[in-house]
């Protein structure tokens, strides 16, 4: 090849690489933008759906769970949402799952980190009430609980009502918590399933680095 031919070849190759990089950047920007839109919609929907919302009981603060058959499960939930994190070893299963409209975390370590990081929002349980309590066919415990919480972002307090779907093993180790803000069911189809899981992975890795232990 002549020097001129090599120069032309290098020029074409460089332009091809540049075009490929630009295309990759556009695709990445589109993916990030789409993820943000989908995540934002899921979170907005969780707060916007209010037709099934229950108002805070007038007798709050209270915990209407005194007659439960599963006091260990209720105590664990109370500690987690009360800002104490997952209290002790053996309260949740190694493959425990927590999911809300914003994120899904999978494994004991991810769930522990999610509720450790929650402390930074100064959670306070205003009221908690068991709605349904039964055993599933596989002898696992199934609870539905209504939860009224107050959090704080900086100087700004805000309240959240949620329906919790809690599943536990027969030894009362919690295996799953689904939190439905305003009692609105989660969007249980793609791409929202993938978006929540990705948010959970990002959150786990980020809060581990930047959220101090209180």
N, C-alpha and C. Protein backbone atom coordinates (compact mmCIF):
# COMPACT_ATOMS: atom_id res chain seq x y z
N UNK A 1 0.85 -1.20 0.00
CA UNK A 1 0.00 0.00 0.00
C UNK A 1 0.88 1.24 0.00
N UNK A 2 0.40 2.26 -0.65
CA UNK A 2 1.12 3.53 -0.64
C UNK A 2 0.78 4.29 0.63
N UNK A 3 1.60 5.32 0.89
CA UNK A 3 1.34 6.15 2.08
C UNK A 3 -0.02 6.80 2.00
N UNK A 4 -0.42 7.20 0.78
CA UNK A 4 -1.72 7.85 0.61
C UNK A 4 -2.85 6.88 0.91
N UNK A 5 -2.71 5.62 0.47
CA UNK A 5 -3.75 4.62 0.72
C UNK A 5 -3.88 4.32 2.20
N UNK A 6 -2.74 4.24 2.88
CA UNK A 6 -2.77 3.99 4.32
C UNK A 6 -3.44 5.14 5.07
N UNK A 7 -3.15 6.35 4.62
CA UNK A 7 -3.77 7.52 5.26
C UNK A 7 -5.28 7.51 5.08
N UNK A 8 -5.74 7.17 3.89
CA UNK A 8 -7.18 7.09 3.63
C UNK A 8 -7.83 6.01 4.47
N UNK A 9 -7.13 4.85 4.57
CA UNK A 9 -7.67 3.74 5.36
C UNK A 9 -7.79 4.11 6.83
N UNK A 10 -6.72 4.76 7.35
CA UNK A 10 -6.76 5.20 8.74
C UNK A 10 -7.87 6.21 8.98
N UNK A 11 -8.03 7.11 8.01
CA UNK A 11 -9.08 8.12 8.14
C UNK A 11 -10.47 7.50 8.17
N UNK A 12 -10.69 6.52 7.28
CA UNK A 12 -12.00 5.84 7.26
C UNK A 12 -12.24 5.08 8.55
N UNK A 13 -11.18 4.41 9.06
CA UNK A 13 -11.30 3.65 10.29
C UNK A 13 -11.61 4.56 11.47
N UNK A 14 -10.94 5.71 11.53
CA UNK A 14 -11.16 6.66 12.61
C UNK A 14 -12.58 7.20 12.58
N UNK A 15 -13.07 7.51 11.36
CA UNK A 15 -14.44 8.02 11.25
C UNK A 15 -15.46 6.96 11.65
N UNK A 16 -15.15 5.69 11.30
CA UNK A 16 -16.05 4.60 11.70
C UNK A 16 -16.09 4.45 13.21
N UNK A 17 -14.90 4.52 13.86
CA UNK A 17 -14.86 4.44 15.32
C UNK A 17 -15.61 5.60 15.96
N UNK A 18 -15.44 6.80 15.40
CA UNK A 18 -16.12 7.97 15.94
C UNK A 18 -17.63 7.82 15.82
N UNK A 19 -18.07 7.35 14.66
CA UNK A 19 -19.51 7.16 14.46
C UNK A 19 -20.06 6.10 15.41
N UNK A 20 -19.26 5.02 15.62
CA UNK A 20 -19.68 3.97 16.55
C UNK A 20 -19.77 4.51 17.97
N UNK A 21 -18.78 5.30 18.38
CA UNK A 21 -18.79 5.89 19.72
C UNK A 21 -19.99 6.82 19.89
N UNK A 22 -20.27 7.60 18.88
CA UNK A 22 -21.42 8.52 18.96
C UNK A 22 -22.73 7.76 19.05
N UNK A 23 -22.83 6.67 18.28
CA UNK A 23 -24.04 5.85 18.34
C UNK A 23 -24.19 5.21 19.71
N UNK A 24 -23.09 4.70 20.26
CA UNK A 24 -23.13 4.08 21.58
C UNK A 24 -23.54 5.11 22.64
N UNK A 25 -23.00 6.33 22.50
CA UNK A 25 -23.35 7.38 23.47
C UNK A 25 -24.83 7.72 23.38
N UNK A 26 -25.36 7.78 22.16
CA UNK A 26 -26.79 8.09 21.99
C UNK A 26 -27.66 6.97 22.56
N UNK A 27 -27.25 5.72 22.32
CA UNK A 27 -28.01 4.59 22.85
C UNK A 27 -27.97 4.57 24.38
N UNK A 28 -26.79 4.86 24.94
CA UNK A 28 -26.66 4.91 26.40
C UNK A 28 -27.53 6.01 26.98
N UNK A 29 -27.50 7.19 26.35
CA UNK A 29 -28.32 8.30 26.82
C UNK A 29 -29.79 7.95 26.75
N UNK A 30 -30.19 7.28 25.66
CA UNK A 30 -31.59 6.88 25.52
C UNK A 30 -31.97 5.86 26.58
N UNK A 31 -31.06 4.91 26.86
CA UNK A 31 -31.35 3.89 27.88
C UNK A 31 -31.48 4.52 29.26
N UNK A 32 -30.54 5.43 29.59
CA UNK A 32 -30.59 6.10 30.89
C UNK A 32 -31.85 6.94 31.00
N UNK A 33 -32.17 7.66 29.93
CA UNK A 33 -33.38 8.48 29.93
C UNK A 33 -34.64 7.64 30.08
N UNK A 34 -34.69 6.52 29.37
CA UNK A 34 -35.86 5.64 29.47
C UNK A 34 -35.98 5.05 30.86
N UNK A 35 -34.84 4.65 31.43
CA UNK A 35 -34.86 4.11 32.79
C UNK A 35 -35.38 5.15 33.77
N UNK A 36 -34.91 6.38 33.63
CA UNK A 36 -35.35 7.44 34.54
C UNK A 36 -36.85 7.70 34.41
N UNK A 37 -37.34 7.70 33.17
CA UNK A 37 -38.77 7.94 32.95
C UNK A 37 -39.61 6.82 33.55
N UNK A 38 -39.21 5.57 33.30
CA UNK A 38 -39.96 4.43 33.81
C UNK A 38 -39.92 4.38 35.34
N UNK A 39 -38.74 4.61 35.90
CA UNK A 39 -38.62 4.61 37.36
C UNK A 39 -39.45 5.74 37.96
N UNK A 40 -39.38 6.91 37.33
CA UNK A 40 -40.17 8.05 37.81
C UNK A 40 -41.65 7.79 37.75
N UNK A 41 -42.10 7.16 36.67
CA UNK A 41 -43.53 6.86 36.55
C UNK A 41 -43.98 5.88 37.63
N UNK A 42 -43.17 4.84 37.87
CA UNK A 42 -43.53 3.87 38.89
C UNK A 42 -43.63 4.50 40.27
N UNK A 43 -42.69 5.40 40.58
CA UNK A 43 -42.72 6.08 41.88
C UNK A 43 -43.91 7.03 41.96
N UNK A 44 -44.13 7.82 40.89
CA UNK A 44 -45.27 8.76 40.86
C UNK A 44 -46.59 8.01 41.03
N UNK A 45 -46.72 6.88 40.34
CA UNK A 45 -47.96 6.11 40.41
C UNK A 45 -48.19 5.60 41.82
N UNK A 46 -47.08 5.21 42.49
CA UNK A 46 -47.21 4.71 43.85
C UNK A 46 -47.80 5.74 44.80
N UNK A 47 -47.47 7.02 44.59
CA UNK A 47 -48.00 8.07 45.45
C UNK A 47 -49.32 8.63 44.93
N UNK A 48 -49.53 8.58 43.61
CA UNK A 48 -50.70 9.24 43.03
C UNK A 48 -51.99 8.44 43.19
N UNK A 49 -51.88 7.10 43.22
CA UNK A 49 -53.07 6.28 43.36
C UNK A 49 -53.59 6.38 44.79
N UNK A 50 -54.75 6.98 44.96
CA UNK A 50 -55.23 7.22 46.32
C UNK A 50 -56.60 6.62 46.60
N UNK A 51 -57.18 5.92 45.61
CA UNK A 51 -58.53 5.42 45.81
C UNK A 51 -58.62 4.35 46.89
N UNK A 52 -57.50 3.66 47.16
CA UNK A 52 -57.50 2.61 48.19
C UNK A 52 -56.81 3.06 49.48
N UNK A 53 -56.48 4.33 49.54
CA UNK A 53 -55.77 4.85 50.70
C UNK A 53 -56.66 4.85 51.94
N UNK A 54 -56.09 4.48 53.08
CA UNK A 54 -56.78 4.58 54.37
C UNK A 54 -56.16 5.72 55.15
N UNK A 55 -57.01 6.51 55.77
CA UNK A 55 -56.51 7.62 56.55
C UNK A 55 -55.92 7.13 57.88
N UNK A 56 -55.03 7.91 58.42
CA UNK A 56 -54.41 7.59 59.69
C UNK A 56 -55.46 7.48 60.78
N UNK A 57 -55.47 6.37 61.54
CA UNK A 57 -56.46 6.23 62.61
C UNK A 57 -56.39 7.38 63.61
N UNK A 58 -57.55 7.81 64.06
CA UNK A 58 -57.61 8.97 64.96
C UNK A 58 -56.95 8.68 66.30
N UNK A 59 -56.84 7.41 66.64
CA UNK A 59 -56.25 7.04 67.93
C UNK A 59 -54.75 6.82 67.85
N UNK A 60 -54.12 7.17 66.71
CA UNK A 60 -52.68 6.97 66.58
C UNK A 60 -51.94 7.87 67.57
N UNK A 61 -50.72 7.55 68.00
CA UNK A 61 -49.97 6.38 67.53
C UNK A 61 -50.43 5.09 68.20
N UNK A 62 -50.48 4.02 67.43
CA UNK A 62 -50.89 2.75 67.99
C UNK A 62 -50.33 1.63 67.13
N UNK A 63 -50.26 0.45 67.70
CA UNK A 63 -49.89 -0.75 66.96
C UNK A 63 -50.95 -1.79 67.27
N UNK A 64 -51.89 -1.96 66.35
CA UNK A 64 -53.02 -2.86 66.59
C UNK A 64 -52.65 -4.28 66.18
N UNK A 65 -51.67 -4.83 66.86
CA UNK A 65 -51.17 -6.16 66.51
C UNK A 65 -51.03 -7.03 67.75
N UNK A 66 -51.69 -6.63 68.81
CA UNK A 66 -51.48 -7.32 70.09
C UNK A 66 -51.93 -8.78 70.05
N UNK A 67 -52.92 -9.09 69.23
CA UNK A 67 -53.48 -10.44 69.23
C UNK A 67 -52.88 -11.34 68.16
N UNK A 68 -51.80 -10.92 67.55
CA UNK A 68 -51.21 -11.71 66.48
C UNK A 68 -50.66 -13.04 66.98
N UNK A 69 -50.71 -14.04 66.13
CA UNK A 69 -50.09 -15.33 66.43
C UNK A 69 -48.60 -15.32 66.10
N UNK A 70 -48.15 -14.28 65.41
CA UNK A 70 -46.79 -14.25 64.89
C UNK A 70 -46.08 -12.99 65.38
N UNK A 71 -45.85 -12.94 66.66
CA UNK A 71 -45.30 -11.73 67.28
C UNK A 71 -43.87 -11.44 66.81
N UNK A 72 -43.10 -12.49 66.50
CA UNK A 72 -41.73 -12.26 66.03
C UNK A 72 -41.73 -11.54 64.69
N UNK A 73 -42.61 -11.95 63.78
CA UNK A 73 -42.71 -11.29 62.48
C UNK A 73 -43.08 -9.83 62.66
N UNK A 74 -44.09 -9.57 63.47
CA UNK A 74 -44.56 -8.20 63.69
C UNK A 74 -43.47 -7.35 64.36
N UNK A 75 -42.77 -7.93 65.31
CA UNK A 75 -41.69 -7.21 65.98
C UNK A 75 -40.56 -6.86 65.01
N UNK A 76 -40.25 -7.79 64.11
CA UNK A 76 -39.21 -7.52 63.11
C UNK A 76 -39.62 -6.40 62.18
N UNK A 77 -40.86 -6.44 61.70
CA UNK A 77 -41.36 -5.36 60.84
C UNK A 77 -41.33 -4.03 61.58
N UNK A 78 -41.77 -4.04 62.84
CA UNK A 78 -41.77 -2.82 63.62
C UNK A 78 -40.38 -2.23 63.78
N UNK A 79 -39.39 -3.08 64.01
CA UNK A 79 -38.01 -2.61 64.14
C UNK A 79 -37.48 -2.06 62.82
N UNK A 80 -37.75 -2.76 61.73
CA UNK A 80 -37.25 -2.35 60.42
C UNK A 80 -37.80 -0.99 60.03
N UNK A 81 -39.10 -0.81 60.21
CA UNK A 81 -39.72 0.46 59.81
C UNK A 81 -39.60 1.52 60.90
N UNK A 82 -39.16 1.14 62.07
CA UNK A 82 -38.97 2.10 63.14
C UNK A 82 -37.57 2.69 63.19
N UNK A 83 -36.75 2.38 62.19
CA UNK A 83 -35.42 2.96 62.13
C UNK A 83 -34.35 2.17 62.83
N UNK A 84 -34.64 0.92 63.19
CA UNK A 84 -33.66 0.10 63.89
C UNK A 84 -32.96 -0.90 62.97
N UNK A 85 -33.32 -0.89 61.69
CA UNK A 85 -32.75 -1.86 60.78
C UNK A 85 -33.29 -3.25 61.03
N UNK A 86 -32.72 -4.24 60.36
CA UNK A 86 -33.07 -5.64 60.64
C UNK A 86 -32.42 -5.99 61.96
N UNK A 87 -33.20 -6.31 63.00
CA UNK A 87 -32.65 -6.30 64.37
C UNK A 87 -31.56 -7.31 64.67
N UNK A 88 -31.76 -8.58 64.34
CA UNK A 88 -30.78 -9.59 64.72
C UNK A 88 -30.67 -10.62 63.61
N UNK A 89 -29.65 -11.45 63.70
CA UNK A 89 -29.51 -12.57 62.78
C UNK A 89 -30.69 -13.53 62.98
N UNK A 90 -31.13 -14.13 61.89
CA UNK A 90 -32.20 -15.11 61.97
C UNK A 90 -33.59 -14.52 61.89
N UNK A 91 -33.71 -13.21 61.63
CA UNK A 91 -35.03 -12.59 61.49
C UNK A 91 -35.55 -12.66 60.06
N UNK A 92 -34.62 -12.74 59.09
CA UNK A 92 -35.00 -12.84 57.69
C UNK A 92 -34.21 -13.97 57.05
N UNK A 93 -34.72 -14.49 55.96
CA UNK A 93 -34.07 -15.61 55.29
C UNK A 93 -32.91 -15.11 54.43
N UNK A 94 -31.96 -15.99 54.09
CA UNK A 94 -30.82 -15.57 53.26
C UNK A 94 -31.24 -15.05 51.89
N UNK A 95 -32.37 -15.52 51.36
CA UNK A 95 -32.84 -15.08 50.04
C UNK A 95 -34.01 -14.11 50.15
N UNK A 96 -34.06 -13.37 51.24
CA UNK A 96 -35.17 -12.44 51.47
C UNK A 96 -35.25 -11.39 50.37
N UNK A 97 -36.50 -10.94 50.11
CA UNK A 97 -36.76 -9.96 49.06
C UNK A 97 -37.56 -8.81 49.66
N UNK A 98 -37.17 -7.58 49.32
CA UNK A 98 -37.99 -6.40 49.64
C UNK A 98 -38.24 -5.66 48.34
N UNK A 99 -39.50 -5.23 48.15
CA UNK A 99 -39.85 -4.53 46.91
C UNK A 99 -40.89 -3.47 47.20
N UNK A 100 -40.68 -2.28 46.63
CA UNK A 100 -41.66 -1.21 46.68
C UNK A 100 -41.72 -0.59 45.29
N UNK A 101 -42.49 0.47 45.06
CA UNK A 101 -42.58 1.02 43.71
C UNK A 101 -41.26 1.55 43.15
N UNK A 102 -40.29 1.81 44.02
CA UNK A 102 -39.02 2.39 43.56
C UNK A 102 -37.96 1.35 43.26
N UNK A 103 -37.89 0.28 44.04
CA UNK A 103 -36.75 -0.63 43.92
C UNK A 103 -37.09 -2.02 44.44
N UNK A 104 -36.26 -2.98 44.03
CA UNK A 104 -36.36 -4.35 44.52
C UNK A 104 -34.97 -4.79 44.94
N UNK A 105 -34.85 -5.24 46.20
CA UNK A 105 -33.57 -5.77 46.68
C UNK A 105 -33.75 -7.24 47.00
N UNK A 106 -32.71 -8.00 46.71
CA UNK A 106 -32.77 -9.46 46.82
C UNK A 106 -31.55 -9.94 47.59
N UNK A 107 -31.76 -10.69 48.61
CA UNK A 107 -30.76 -11.31 49.50
C UNK A 107 -30.78 -10.60 50.84
N UNK A 108 -30.35 -11.33 51.86
CA UNK A 108 -30.34 -10.79 53.21
C UNK A 108 -29.47 -9.53 53.31
N UNK A 109 -28.32 -9.54 52.65
CA UNK A 109 -27.42 -8.39 52.74
C UNK A 109 -28.04 -7.15 52.11
N UNK A 110 -28.72 -7.30 50.98
CA UNK A 110 -29.34 -6.15 50.33
C UNK A 110 -30.51 -5.61 51.15
N UNK A 111 -31.30 -6.50 51.73
CA UNK A 111 -32.43 -6.06 52.56
C UNK A 111 -31.91 -5.34 53.81
N UNK A 112 -30.88 -5.91 54.44
CA UNK A 112 -30.31 -5.26 55.62
C UNK A 112 -29.79 -3.86 55.28
N UNK A 113 -29.13 -3.73 54.14
CA UNK A 113 -28.60 -2.42 53.76
C UNK A 113 -29.72 -1.42 53.48
N UNK A 114 -30.80 -1.88 52.82
CA UNK A 114 -31.92 -0.98 52.53
C UNK A 114 -32.50 -0.39 53.80
N UNK A 115 -32.67 -1.21 54.82
CA UNK A 115 -33.28 -0.71 56.05
C UNK A 115 -32.25 -0.04 56.97
N UNK A 116 -30.98 -0.33 56.79
CA UNK A 116 -29.95 0.46 57.48
C UNK A 116 -29.96 1.89 56.92
N UNK A 117 -29.98 1.99 55.58
CA UNK A 117 -29.96 3.31 54.94
C UNK A 117 -31.24 4.10 55.22
N UNK A 118 -32.35 3.40 55.46
CA UNK A 118 -33.62 4.09 55.74
C UNK A 118 -33.51 4.98 56.97
N UNK A 119 -32.61 4.67 57.88
CA UNK A 119 -32.48 5.45 59.11
C UNK A 119 -32.20 6.91 58.84
N UNK A 120 -31.57 7.23 57.69
CA UNK A 120 -31.21 8.60 57.40
C UNK A 120 -32.44 9.48 57.18
N UNK A 121 -33.61 8.82 56.94
CA UNK A 121 -34.86 9.56 56.75
C UNK A 121 -35.67 9.64 58.05
N UNK A 122 -35.08 9.24 59.15
CA UNK A 122 -35.69 9.36 60.48
C UNK A 122 -37.12 8.79 60.52
N UNK A 123 -37.27 7.51 60.19
CA UNK A 123 -38.61 6.92 60.13
C UNK A 123 -39.28 6.85 61.50
N UNK A 124 -40.57 7.08 61.49
CA UNK A 124 -41.38 6.98 62.71
C UNK A 124 -42.68 6.29 62.36
N UNK A 125 -43.00 5.21 63.04
CA UNK A 125 -44.26 4.51 62.80
C UNK A 125 -45.37 5.19 63.59
N UNK A 126 -46.36 5.69 62.85
CA UNK A 126 -47.51 6.36 63.48
C UNK A 126 -48.58 5.36 63.87
N UNK A 127 -48.78 4.34 63.04
CA UNK A 127 -49.76 3.30 63.34
C UNK A 127 -49.47 2.09 62.47
N UNK A 128 -49.82 0.92 62.98
CA UNK A 128 -49.64 -0.33 62.24
C UNK A 128 -50.78 -1.26 62.62
N UNK A 129 -51.36 -1.91 61.63
CA UNK A 129 -52.54 -2.74 61.89
C UNK A 129 -52.52 -3.98 61.00
N UNK A 130 -52.76 -5.13 61.57
CA UNK A 130 -52.85 -6.36 60.78
C UNK A 130 -54.22 -6.46 60.14
N UNK A 131 -54.23 -6.68 58.82
CA UNK A 131 -55.48 -6.81 58.07
C UNK A 131 -55.82 -8.28 57.84
N UNK A 132 -54.81 -9.05 57.44
CA UNK A 132 -55.00 -10.47 57.14
C UNK A 132 -53.84 -11.25 57.75
N UNK A 133 -54.15 -12.41 58.30
CA UNK A 133 -53.12 -13.26 58.90
C UNK A 133 -53.54 -14.70 58.69
N UNK A 134 -52.70 -15.44 57.98
CA UNK A 134 -53.06 -16.83 57.70
C UNK A 134 -51.82 -17.62 57.32
N UNK A 135 -52.00 -18.93 57.16
CA UNK A 135 -50.96 -19.80 56.62
C UNK A 135 -51.29 -20.10 55.18
N UNK A 136 -50.27 -20.07 54.31
CA UNK A 136 -50.45 -20.50 52.93
C UNK A 136 -50.45 -22.02 52.87
N UNK A 137 -50.74 -22.55 51.68
CA UNK A 137 -50.80 -23.99 51.52
C UNK A 137 -49.49 -24.68 51.82
N UNK A 138 -48.36 -24.00 51.63
CA UNK A 138 -47.06 -24.61 51.91
C UNK A 138 -46.62 -24.36 53.35
N UNK A 139 -47.58 -23.96 54.18
CA UNK A 139 -47.36 -23.75 55.62
C UNK A 139 -46.51 -22.51 55.91
N UNK A 140 -46.37 -21.62 54.93
CA UNK A 140 -45.70 -20.35 55.16
C UNK A 140 -46.70 -19.33 55.70
N UNK A 141 -46.19 -18.38 56.46
CA UNK A 141 -47.03 -17.34 57.07
C UNK A 141 -47.27 -16.22 56.06
N UNK A 142 -48.50 -15.75 56.02
CA UNK A 142 -48.87 -14.66 55.12
C UNK A 142 -49.59 -13.58 55.93
N UNK A 143 -49.05 -12.36 55.88
CA UNK A 143 -49.66 -11.24 56.60
C UNK A 143 -49.88 -10.07 55.65
N UNK A 144 -51.01 -9.41 55.81
CA UNK A 144 -51.21 -8.10 55.20
C UNK A 144 -51.35 -7.11 56.33
N UNK A 145 -50.56 -6.04 56.25
CA UNK A 145 -50.53 -5.05 57.32
C UNK A 145 -50.66 -3.66 56.73
N UNK A 146 -51.41 -2.81 57.41
CA UNK A 146 -51.46 -1.39 57.04
C UNK A 146 -50.47 -0.64 57.91
N UNK A 147 -49.73 0.25 57.27
CA UNK A 147 -48.65 0.95 57.95
C UNK A 147 -48.73 2.44 57.63
N UNK A 148 -48.72 3.25 58.66
CA UNK A 148 -48.68 4.70 58.50
C UNK A 148 -47.35 5.18 59.06
N UNK A 149 -46.54 5.80 58.21
CA UNK A 149 -45.20 6.23 58.57
C UNK A 149 -45.03 7.74 58.41
N UNK A 150 -44.09 8.27 59.17
CA UNK A 150 -43.62 9.63 58.93
C UNK A 150 -42.11 9.57 58.71
N UNK A 151 -41.65 10.26 57.65
CA UNK A 151 -40.23 10.37 57.34
C UNK A 151 -39.85 11.85 57.30
N UNK A 152 -38.55 12.08 57.19
CA UNK A 152 -38.09 13.45 57.09
C UNK A 152 -36.94 13.53 56.09
N UNK A 153 -37.08 14.45 55.14
CA UNK A 153 -36.01 14.79 54.22
C UNK A 153 -35.49 16.16 54.62
N UNK A 154 -34.32 16.19 55.23
CA UNK A 154 -33.83 17.46 55.76
C UNK A 154 -34.80 17.96 56.83
N UNK A 155 -35.28 19.20 56.69
CA UNK A 155 -36.22 19.74 57.68
C UNK A 155 -37.68 19.45 57.35
N UNK A 156 -37.91 18.69 56.26
CA UNK A 156 -39.28 18.54 55.75
C UNK A 156 -39.85 17.16 56.09
N UNK A 157 -40.83 17.09 56.98
CA UNK A 157 -41.48 15.80 57.28
C UNK A 157 -42.58 15.50 56.26
N UNK A 158 -42.83 14.22 56.02
CA UNK A 158 -43.94 13.81 55.17
C UNK A 158 -44.42 12.45 55.62
N UNK A 159 -45.68 12.16 55.32
CA UNK A 159 -46.31 10.93 55.77
C UNK A 159 -46.60 10.02 54.59
N UNK A 160 -46.51 8.72 54.85
CA UNK A 160 -46.76 7.70 53.82
C UNK A 160 -47.64 6.62 54.41
N UNK A 161 -48.70 6.27 53.69
CA UNK A 161 -49.51 5.11 54.03
C UNK A 161 -49.17 3.97 53.07
N UNK A 162 -48.97 2.77 53.60
CA UNK A 162 -48.63 1.62 52.77
C UNK A 162 -49.39 0.39 53.23
N UNK A 163 -49.66 -0.49 52.29
CA UNK A 163 -50.10 -1.85 52.59
C UNK A 163 -48.88 -2.76 52.41
N UNK A 164 -48.53 -3.48 53.47
CA UNK A 164 -47.42 -4.41 53.42
C UNK A 164 -47.93 -5.82 53.20
N UNK A 165 -47.33 -6.53 52.25
CA UNK A 165 -47.58 -7.95 52.05
C UNK A 165 -46.34 -8.68 52.55
N UNK A 166 -46.48 -9.36 53.67
CA UNK A 166 -45.34 -9.98 54.33
C UNK A 166 -45.49 -11.50 54.29
N UNK A 167 -44.44 -12.18 53.86
CA UNK A 167 -44.41 -13.64 53.86
C UNK A 167 -43.24 -14.10 54.73
N UNK A 168 -43.48 -15.16 55.49
CA UNK A 168 -42.44 -15.66 56.40
C UNK A 168 -42.52 -17.18 56.46
N UNK A 169 -41.41 -17.79 56.83
CA UNK A 169 -41.37 -19.23 57.04
C UNK A 169 -42.08 -19.58 58.35
N UNK A 170 -42.31 -20.87 58.55
CA UNK A 170 -43.05 -21.26 59.75
C UNK A 170 -42.28 -21.00 61.04
N UNK A 171 -40.96 -20.71 60.92
CA UNK A 171 -40.17 -20.32 62.11
C UNK A 171 -40.14 -18.80 62.27
N UNK A 172 -40.98 -18.10 61.48
CA UNK A 172 -41.18 -16.64 61.55
C UNK A 172 -40.00 -15.84 61.01
N UNK A 173 -39.14 -16.45 60.22
CA UNK A 173 -38.13 -15.69 59.49
C UNK A 173 -38.79 -15.10 58.24
N UNK A 174 -38.67 -13.81 58.05
CA UNK A 174 -39.33 -13.13 56.93
C UNK A 174 -38.60 -13.44 55.63
N UNK A 175 -39.36 -13.83 54.62
CA UNK A 175 -38.78 -14.14 53.31
C UNK A 175 -39.12 -13.10 52.26
N UNK A 176 -40.17 -12.32 52.48
CA UNK A 176 -40.59 -11.36 51.45
C UNK A 176 -41.41 -10.24 52.08
N UNK A 177 -41.10 -9.00 51.66
CA UNK A 177 -41.91 -7.84 52.03
C UNK A 177 -42.19 -7.06 50.76
N UNK A 178 -43.46 -6.88 50.45
CA UNK A 178 -43.87 -6.02 49.33
C UNK A 178 -44.59 -4.82 49.92
N UNK A 179 -44.08 -3.64 49.65
CA UNK A 179 -44.68 -2.42 50.17
C UNK A 179 -45.43 -1.70 49.06
N UNK A 180 -46.73 -1.56 49.23
CA UNK A 180 -47.58 -0.90 48.24
C UNK A 180 -47.98 0.47 48.76
N UNK A 181 -47.34 1.51 48.25
CA UNK A 181 -47.70 2.85 48.67
C UNK A 181 -49.14 3.14 48.28
N UNK A 182 -49.90 3.72 49.18
CA UNK A 182 -51.31 4.03 48.97
C UNK A 182 -52.13 2.78 48.66
N UNK A 183 -51.57 1.60 48.94
CA UNK A 183 -52.21 0.32 48.65
C UNK A 183 -52.41 0.09 47.16
N UNK A 184 -51.61 0.75 46.34
CA UNK A 184 -51.65 0.53 44.89
C UNK A 184 -50.73 -0.63 44.53
N UNK A 185 -51.25 -1.63 43.82
CA UNK A 185 -50.44 -2.79 43.46
C UNK A 185 -49.26 -2.36 42.58
N UNK A 186 -48.14 -3.09 42.72
CA UNK A 186 -46.96 -2.79 41.92
C UNK A 186 -47.18 -3.19 40.47
N UNK A 187 -46.49 -2.51 39.57
CA UNK A 187 -46.55 -2.86 38.15
C UNK A 187 -45.72 -4.12 37.94
N UNK A 188 -46.41 -5.24 37.82
CA UNK A 188 -45.74 -6.55 37.84
C UNK A 188 -45.50 -7.08 36.43
N UNK A 189 -44.93 -6.26 35.57
CA UNK A 189 -44.61 -6.69 34.21
C UNK A 189 -43.42 -5.86 33.73
N UNK A 190 -42.81 -6.34 32.63
CA UNK A 190 -41.66 -5.63 32.08
C UNK A 190 -42.11 -4.37 31.33
N UNK A 191 -41.30 -3.33 31.31
CA UNK A 191 -39.92 -3.24 31.82
C UNK A 191 -39.83 -2.82 33.29
N UNK A 192 -40.98 -2.67 33.97
CA UNK A 192 -40.95 -2.15 35.34
C UNK A 192 -40.28 -3.10 36.32
N UNK A 193 -40.42 -4.41 36.09
CA UNK A 193 -39.73 -5.38 36.95
C UNK A 193 -38.22 -5.18 36.88
N UNK A 194 -37.71 -5.04 35.65
CA UNK A 194 -36.27 -4.86 35.47
C UNK A 194 -35.80 -3.51 36.02
N UNK A 195 -36.61 -2.48 35.85
CA UNK A 195 -36.25 -1.14 36.35
C UNK A 195 -36.12 -1.15 37.86
N UNK A 196 -37.09 -1.76 38.56
CA UNK A 196 -37.01 -1.81 40.02
C UNK A 196 -35.80 -2.60 40.49
N UNK A 197 -35.50 -3.69 39.81
CA UNK A 197 -34.35 -4.50 40.21
C UNK A 197 -33.05 -3.72 39.99
N UNK A 198 -32.94 -3.03 38.86
CA UNK A 198 -31.74 -2.24 38.61
C UNK A 198 -31.61 -1.13 39.65
N UNK A 199 -32.72 -0.49 39.99
CA UNK A 199 -32.69 0.53 41.04
C UNK A 199 -32.20 -0.07 42.36
N UNK A 200 -32.63 -1.29 42.66
CA UNK A 200 -32.20 -1.94 43.89
C UNK A 200 -30.70 -2.19 43.92
N UNK A 201 -30.16 -2.64 42.79
CA UNK A 201 -28.71 -2.89 42.71
C UNK A 201 -27.94 -1.59 42.87
N UNK A 202 -28.39 -0.53 42.17
CA UNK A 202 -27.72 0.77 42.26
C UNK A 202 -27.79 1.29 43.69
N UNK A 203 -28.98 1.20 44.29
CA UNK A 203 -29.17 1.70 45.65
C UNK A 203 -28.27 0.97 46.64
N UNK A 204 -28.21 -0.35 46.53
CA UNK A 204 -27.39 -1.14 47.45
C UNK A 204 -25.94 -0.71 47.39
N UNK A 205 -25.41 -0.56 46.19
CA UNK A 205 -24.01 -0.20 46.04
C UNK A 205 -23.74 1.26 46.41
N UNK A 206 -24.72 2.14 46.17
CA UNK A 206 -24.51 3.56 46.44
C UNK A 206 -24.63 3.86 47.93
N UNK A 207 -25.71 3.35 48.57
CA UNK A 207 -25.90 3.68 49.99
C UNK A 207 -24.81 3.06 50.85
N UNK A 208 -24.28 1.92 50.41
CA UNK A 208 -23.18 1.30 51.17
C UNK A 208 -21.98 2.23 51.27
N UNK A 209 -21.84 3.10 50.25
CA UNK A 209 -20.68 3.99 50.19
C UNK A 209 -20.94 5.34 50.84
N UNK A 210 -22.17 5.87 50.66
CA UNK A 210 -22.38 7.28 51.01
C UNK A 210 -23.28 7.52 52.23
N UNK A 211 -24.06 6.52 52.64
CA UNK A 211 -24.96 6.74 53.77
C UNK A 211 -24.29 6.28 55.06
N UNK A 212 -24.04 7.18 55.99
CA UNK A 212 -23.38 6.79 57.24
C UNK A 212 -24.28 5.94 58.12
N UNK A 213 -23.68 5.15 58.95
CA UNK A 213 -24.43 4.37 59.94
C UNK A 213 -24.77 5.27 61.11
N UNK A 214 -26.07 5.40 61.39
CA UNK A 214 -26.53 6.30 62.46
C UNK A 214 -26.67 5.54 63.76
